[in-house]
Protein backbone atom coordinates (compact mmCIF):
# COMPACT_ATOMS: atom_id res chain seq x y z
CA MET A 1 -36.15 19.57 -11.87
CA VAL A 2 -38.92 20.90 -9.66
CA LEU A 3 -38.19 20.68 -5.94
CA HIS A 4 -40.99 20.88 -3.38
CA PHE A 5 -39.60 23.11 -0.67
CA MET A 6 -41.27 23.54 2.69
CA HIS A 7 -41.02 26.28 5.28
CA HIS A 8 -37.90 26.08 7.47
CA THR A 9 -38.27 25.98 11.22
CA CYS A 10 -35.66 27.60 13.42
CA ASP A 11 -34.07 24.17 13.98
CA THR A 12 -30.95 23.50 11.94
CA PRO A 13 -30.40 20.34 9.88
CA HIS A 14 -27.76 19.36 12.41
CA ALA A 15 -30.19 19.12 15.29
CA GLU A 16 -30.72 15.40 14.86
CA GLY A 17 -27.59 14.56 12.88
CA PRO A 18 -26.90 11.25 14.68
CA GLU A 19 -30.49 10.06 14.10
CA MET A 20 -30.31 11.12 10.46
CA HIS A 21 -27.22 9.01 9.88
CA ASP A 22 -27.92 6.19 12.28
CA LYS A 23 -31.55 5.30 11.51
CA PHE A 24 -33.27 7.62 9.10
CA LEU A 25 -31.42 6.32 6.03
CA SER A 26 -32.82 2.84 6.62
CA TYR A 27 -36.30 4.29 7.35
CA PHE A 28 -36.23 6.31 4.15
CA ASP A 29 -34.87 3.45 2.05
CA GLU A 30 -37.47 0.93 3.26
CA THR A 31 -40.37 3.37 2.80
CA ALA A 32 -39.25 4.08 -0.77
CA ARG A 33 -38.83 0.35 -1.39
CA GLN A 34 -42.34 -0.52 -0.10
CA GLY A 35 -44.13 2.54 -1.49
CA SER A 36 -46.14 2.51 1.73
CA ILE A 37 -45.48 3.79 5.23
CA ARG A 38 -47.66 1.03 6.69
CA LYS A 39 -45.79 -1.76 4.88
CA ALA A 40 -42.39 -0.21 5.65
CA ALA A 41 -43.30 0.12 9.34
CA ALA A 42 -44.19 -3.58 9.45
CA VAL A 43 -40.80 -4.52 7.99
CA LEU A 44 -39.01 -2.15 10.38
CA ASN A 45 -41.03 -3.48 13.35
CA MET A 46 -42.39 -0.09 14.37
CA SER A 47 -45.73 1.66 14.24
CA SER A 48 -46.73 3.41 11.02
CA SER A 49 -47.53 6.61 12.94
CA SER A 50 -44.06 6.65 14.48
CA LEU A 51 -42.39 6.10 11.10
CA ASN A 52 -44.52 8.80 9.49
CA ARG A 53 -43.61 11.29 12.25
CA LYS A 54 -39.91 10.60 11.79
CA ILE A 55 -40.13 11.13 8.04
CA ILE A 56 -42.14 14.35 8.41
CA SER A 57 -39.75 15.61 11.11
CA THR A 58 -36.75 15.04 8.87
CA GLU A 59 -38.49 16.65 5.89
CA ASN A 60 -39.20 19.72 8.04
CA LYS A 61 -35.60 19.95 9.21
CA LEU A 62 -34.26 19.56 5.67
CA GLY A 63 -36.83 21.98 4.30
CA ILE A 64 -37.77 19.68 1.45
CA ARG A 65 -40.50 17.09 0.82
CA LEU A 66 -39.17 13.59 0.08
CA PHE A 67 -42.51 11.81 -0.40
CA ASP A 68 -45.89 12.73 -1.84
CA ARG A 69 -48.71 11.08 0.13
CA HIS A 70 -51.70 9.59 -1.69
CA ALA A 71 -54.51 7.17 -0.92
CA ASP A 72 -52.57 4.06 -1.96
CA GLY A 73 -49.33 4.95 -0.19
CA VAL A 74 -46.42 7.26 -0.86
CA ALA A 75 -44.34 8.16 -3.93
CA LEU A 76 -40.94 9.78 -4.06
CA THR A 77 -40.76 13.39 -5.10
CA GLU A 78 -38.12 14.37 -7.64
CA ALA A 79 -35.95 15.53 -4.76
CA GLY A 80 -36.65 12.26 -2.97
CA ILE A 81 -35.37 10.28 -5.98
CA VAL A 82 -32.05 12.13 -5.84
CA VAL A 83 -31.79 11.69 -2.07
CA LEU A 84 -32.61 7.98 -2.36
CA GLU A 85 -29.67 7.36 -4.69
CA HIS A 86 -27.27 8.99 -2.24
CA CYS A 87 -28.97 7.23 0.66
CA ARG A 88 -28.46 3.80 -0.89
CA ASN A 89 -24.86 4.59 -1.81
CA THR A 90 -24.25 5.58 1.80
CA LEU A 91 -25.87 2.41 3.14
CA PHE A 92 -23.87 0.27 0.69
CA ASP A 93 -20.59 1.97 1.61
CA TYR A 94 -21.37 1.61 5.31
CA GLN A 95 -22.12 -2.12 4.98
CA ARG A 96 -18.92 -2.59 2.98
CA ILE A 97 -16.91 -0.85 5.70
CA VAL A 98 -18.58 -2.98 8.38
CA SER A 99 -17.71 -6.11 6.41
CA ILE A 100 -14.07 -5.08 6.03
CA VAL A 101 -13.77 -4.17 9.71
CA GLU A 102 -15.30 -7.50 10.71
CA ASP A 103 -12.83 -9.32 8.44
CA ILE A 104 -9.95 -7.49 10.10
CA ARG A 105 -11.30 -7.91 13.64
CA ASP A 106 -12.06 -11.58 13.20
CA MET A 107 -8.82 -12.50 11.41
CA ARG A 108 -7.23 -15.42 13.20
CA THR A 109 -5.51 -17.32 10.41
CA GLY A 110 -4.22 -16.59 6.95
CA HIS A 111 -1.15 -16.91 4.77
CA ILE A 112 0.80 -14.30 2.81
CA ASP A 113 3.37 -15.09 0.11
CA ILE A 114 6.17 -12.54 -0.19
CA ALA A 115 8.88 -12.35 -2.86
CA THR A 116 11.70 -10.01 -1.88
CA LEU A 117 15.24 -8.86 -2.42
CA ASP A 118 17.53 -10.37 0.19
CA SER A 119 18.60 -6.89 1.30
CA ILE A 120 15.00 -6.10 2.33
CA ALA A 121 14.62 -9.52 3.94
CA LEU A 122 17.61 -8.71 6.14
CA SER A 123 16.83 -5.09 6.96
CA VAL A 124 13.11 -4.26 6.74
CA LEU A 125 11.12 -7.47 7.03
CA PRO A 126 12.16 -8.76 10.50
CA ASP A 127 10.92 -5.72 12.44
CA VAL A 128 7.77 -5.32 10.32
CA LEU A 129 6.82 -8.98 10.64
CA ASN A 130 7.54 -9.07 14.38
CA ALA A 131 5.19 -6.13 14.94
CA PHE A 132 2.58 -7.62 12.61
CA LYS A 133 2.69 -11.01 14.31
CA ALA A 134 2.01 -9.34 17.65
CA SER A 135 -1.40 -8.27 16.34
CA TYR A 136 -2.09 -11.29 14.11
CA PRO A 137 -0.14 -14.18 15.65
CA GLU A 138 -1.71 -16.93 13.56
CA VAL A 139 -1.07 -15.38 10.15
CA GLY A 140 1.69 -17.31 8.37
CA PHE A 141 4.20 -16.26 5.73
CA THR A 142 6.18 -17.79 2.91
CA ILE A 143 9.14 -15.56 2.07
CA GLN A 144 11.32 -16.14 -0.97
CA THR A 145 14.42 -14.08 -1.73
CA THR A 146 15.24 -13.87 -5.40
CA GLU A 147 16.27 -11.55 -8.23
CA PRO A 148 14.35 -8.40 -9.22
CA HIS A 149 12.84 -9.72 -12.46
CA GLU A 150 11.65 -12.92 -10.72
CA ILE A 151 9.98 -10.90 -7.97
CA MET A 152 8.14 -8.79 -10.55
CA GLN A 153 7.00 -11.90 -12.42
CA ALA A 154 5.85 -13.64 -9.23
CA VAL A 155 3.57 -10.71 -8.37
CA ALA A 156 2.29 -10.53 -11.95
CA ASP A 157 1.55 -14.28 -11.97
CA GLY A 158 -0.11 -14.21 -8.56
CA THR A 159 2.37 -16.64 -7.00
CA ALA A 160 3.41 -13.82 -4.65
CA ASP A 161 0.88 -11.60 -2.88
CA ILE A 162 3.46 -8.90 -2.19
CA GLY A 163 6.78 -8.13 -3.88
CA LEU A 164 9.61 -6.01 -2.48
CA SER A 165 11.96 -5.02 -5.27
CA PHE A 166 13.07 -2.36 -7.72
CA SER A 167 10.07 -0.55 -9.15
CA ASN A 168 11.54 1.38 -12.10
CA ASP A 169 10.23 -0.93 -14.82
CA LEU A 170 6.83 -2.25 -13.78
CA HIS A 171 5.14 -5.24 -15.39
CA PRO A 172 1.70 -4.29 -16.84
CA ASP A 173 0.00 -6.53 -14.25
CA VAL A 174 1.88 -5.00 -11.31
CA ARG A 175 1.40 -1.72 -9.51
CA CYS A 176 3.48 -0.02 -6.86
CA GLN A 177 1.84 0.62 -3.50
CA ALA A 178 4.76 2.75 -2.23
CA GLU A 179 8.32 3.37 -3.30
CA LYS A 180 11.57 4.87 -2.08
CA SER A 181 14.59 6.29 -3.91
CA THR A 182 17.29 3.62 -3.48
CA PRO A 183 20.43 4.37 -5.50
CA ILE A 184 23.19 1.80 -5.88
CA GLY A 185 26.58 3.07 -4.74
CA ALA A 186 29.97 1.86 -3.55
CA ILE A 187 30.13 0.30 -0.09
CA MET A 188 33.55 -0.16 1.43
CA ALA A 189 35.47 -0.51 4.67
CA HIS A 190 35.75 2.74 6.64
CA ASP A 191 39.51 2.94 6.00
CA HIS A 192 39.39 2.28 2.25
CA PRO A 193 41.26 4.84 0.06
CA LEU A 194 37.96 5.98 -1.50
CA ALA A 195 36.05 6.19 1.79
CA GLU A 196 36.48 9.95 2.20
CA ARG A 197 35.06 10.80 -1.20
CA ASP A 198 31.55 12.24 -1.49
CA LEU A 199 30.95 11.09 -5.06
CA LEU A 200 32.62 8.54 -7.31
CA GLU A 201 32.78 8.12 -11.05
CA ILE A 202 32.59 4.57 -12.36
CA ASP A 203 36.15 5.03 -13.63
CA ASP A 204 37.28 5.49 -10.01
CA LEU A 205 36.35 1.87 -9.30
CA VAL A 206 38.46 0.33 -12.07
CA PRO A 207 41.64 -0.23 -9.96
CA TYR A 208 39.74 -2.09 -7.22
CA GLN A 209 38.10 -5.50 -6.81
CA MET A 210 34.30 -5.44 -6.87
CA ILE A 211 31.84 -7.56 -4.89
CA ARG A 212 28.53 -7.64 -6.71
CA ALA A 213 25.12 -9.25 -6.69
CA TYR A 214 24.83 -12.26 -8.96
CA ASP A 215 23.79 -11.22 -12.47
CA SER A 216 21.12 -13.41 -14.03
CA GLN A 217 22.20 -14.79 -17.39
CA LEU A 218 18.77 -13.98 -18.78
CA HIS A 219 18.42 -10.37 -17.65
CA ARG A 220 20.78 -7.41 -17.53
CA SER A 221 21.80 -6.00 -14.17
CA PHE A 222 21.62 -2.31 -13.31
CA VAL A 223 25.37 -2.20 -12.68
CA SER A 224 26.20 -3.84 -16.02
CA GLU A 225 23.88 -1.38 -17.77
CA ALA A 226 25.61 1.59 -16.12
CA VAL A 227 29.10 0.30 -16.95
CA ALA A 228 28.35 -0.72 -20.54
CA THR A 229 27.87 2.85 -21.77
CA LEU A 230 31.35 3.88 -20.58
CA GLY A 231 33.41 1.18 -22.19
CA VAL A 232 35.21 0.36 -18.93
CA GLN A 233 35.82 -3.00 -17.34
CA LEU A 234 35.30 -3.52 -13.62
CA SER A 235 37.22 -6.30 -11.93
CA THR A 236 34.71 -8.46 -10.10
CA GLN A 237 36.28 -10.61 -7.39
CA VAL A 238 33.02 -12.16 -6.20
CA SER A 239 29.58 -12.35 -7.78
CA THR A 240 27.10 -13.81 -5.33
CA ASN A 241 23.39 -14.02 -4.54
CA SER A 242 24.22 -14.13 -0.83
CA LEU A 243 24.11 -10.70 0.76
CA PRO A 244 25.50 -11.96 4.11
CA LEU A 245 28.57 -13.31 2.27
CA ALA A 246 29.03 -10.07 0.34
CA LYS A 247 28.70 -8.05 3.54
CA ALA A 248 31.25 -10.21 5.37
CA MET A 249 33.78 -9.77 2.56
CA VAL A 250 33.29 -5.99 2.38
CA LEU A 251 33.70 -5.76 6.17
CA LYS A 252 37.01 -7.64 5.90
CA GLY A 253 38.23 -5.25 3.21
CA ARG A 254 38.24 -7.87 0.46
CA GLY A 255 36.62 -5.56 -2.08
CA ILE A 256 34.11 -2.78 -2.77
CA GLY A 257 30.46 -3.78 -2.69
CA VAL A 258 28.24 -2.33 -5.40
CA TYR A 259 24.87 -2.26 -3.69
CA SER A 260 22.18 0.02 -2.31
CA LYS A 261 22.42 0.99 1.36
CA ILE A 262 19.36 -1.01 2.32
CA GLY A 263 21.19 -4.23 3.24
CA PHE A 264 24.06 -2.45 4.98
CA ILE A 265 22.25 0.20 7.02
CA ASP A 266 23.42 -0.88 10.50
CA GLU A 267 27.08 -1.20 9.47
CA ILE A 268 27.00 2.19 7.68
CA GLU A 269 25.31 3.96 10.59
CA ASP A 270 27.74 2.58 13.18
CA GLY A 271 30.73 3.60 11.04
CA ARG A 272 32.10 0.17 10.11
CA LEU A 273 31.25 0.68 6.45
CA ARG A 274 31.08 3.74 4.22
CA TYR A 275 28.59 4.34 1.40
CA VAL A 276 29.67 6.63 -1.46
CA ALA A 277 27.31 7.54 -4.29
CA ILE A 278 28.29 6.64 -7.85
CA ASN A 279 27.73 9.32 -10.49
CA SER A 280 25.52 7.31 -12.83
CA PRO A 281 21.98 8.26 -13.92
CA VAL A 282 21.06 4.57 -14.05
CA LEU A 283 22.30 3.76 -10.55
CA ARG A 284 21.16 7.01 -8.90
CA GLY A 285 17.65 6.81 -10.37
CA LEU A 286 16.72 3.44 -8.89
CA ARG A 287 13.68 3.03 -6.63
CA ILE A 288 12.49 0.15 -4.47
CA GLY A 289 8.79 -0.42 -4.01
CA VAL A 290 6.07 -2.48 -2.39
CA LEU A 291 4.61 -4.31 -5.38
CA ILE A 292 1.12 -5.78 -5.68
CA SER A 293 -1.06 -7.13 -8.46
CA SER A 294 -2.90 -4.60 -10.60
CA ARG A 295 -5.48 -7.25 -11.55
CA THR A 296 -6.64 -8.52 -8.16
CA GLY A 297 -7.51 -6.70 -4.96
CA LEU A 298 -5.78 -7.21 -1.63
CA LEU A 299 -7.38 -9.10 1.22
CA PRO A 300 -7.65 -7.03 4.43
CA VAL A 301 -4.70 -8.78 6.09
CA GLN A 302 -2.55 -8.23 2.98
CA HIS A 303 -3.57 -4.58 2.84
CA LEU A 304 -2.54 -4.08 6.47
CA LEU A 305 0.86 -5.64 5.81
CA THR A 306 1.51 -3.55 2.69
CA ARG A 307 0.78 -0.41 4.73
CA ALA A 308 3.23 -1.48 7.42
CA LEU A 309 5.89 -2.28 4.81
CA SER A 310 5.28 1.02 3.01
CA LYS A 311 5.65 2.99 6.23
CA SER A 312 8.89 1.19 7.13
CA LEU A 313 10.33 1.65 3.63
CA ARG A 314 9.59 5.36 3.54
CA SER A 315 11.31 5.87 6.90
CA LEU A 316 14.68 4.58 5.66
CA ARG A 317 17.46 7.00 4.71
CA LEU A 318 18.75 5.41 1.51
CA ASP A 319 19.59 8.30 -0.81
CA SER A 320 22.01 10.32 1.28
């Protein structure tokens, strides 16, 4: 490529940086589009002499000629062709940003469908949604609590905009926006015989009654998978899809809950309940994530909510 360089003045290219970015890109683009300074000036509603001066001034400051002048108008130099491509990319990106910002600024209504684990619905969602509603009071939500595989499928099918669930085994049509290590352990009353232990083997749980999340008949549970390899049998007193019921029973000492900390954070932090890790690669390797479709993009309001949820999730202390 042959570049037509011109003599540099003592001015630096930064001398008129704001003008370069604010107006010159549109001047340059329109002149290249029209192939004529006179025609471009008419479109831009300015005099041709003024437009020509601005182009020449910028060429001098850059030290490179962007246009060759001839009797019928102007033609891009080889350098000008390269600059034009970047110029138009910049203008396109800027207009896209303006459009997104306007969408966010002008948002007054909207609806977001969320599929979530009940533990997240109890612990994370209330504070995040309260803060979000303060900024976007007319955005509505449909929130369904269900099992992990149903959450994943809802996001994959597009019936849920956002999923909050285990992220270890992603559906091909689902991607994880953010995730957090969230091992399942033993949760018990503070005065339980196992409460002072730092780590439990699954065998340690055999003498006690378990309180567990309801296991779908169609899909294996993480706890069942961990237990199956050991050939032991845990005694399950209650299997329920109601986390509030499970929490109430654990608080009353009716059994050991086999859950992650996420639905019991307040009770663990104030000392009413104790969380003890279980020595199982399956249970200790679990992660919870903010799940979105890998096939469709997020609307601005959905993107803002996923960021808020991701920030809240990352702030939780769930693996210690």
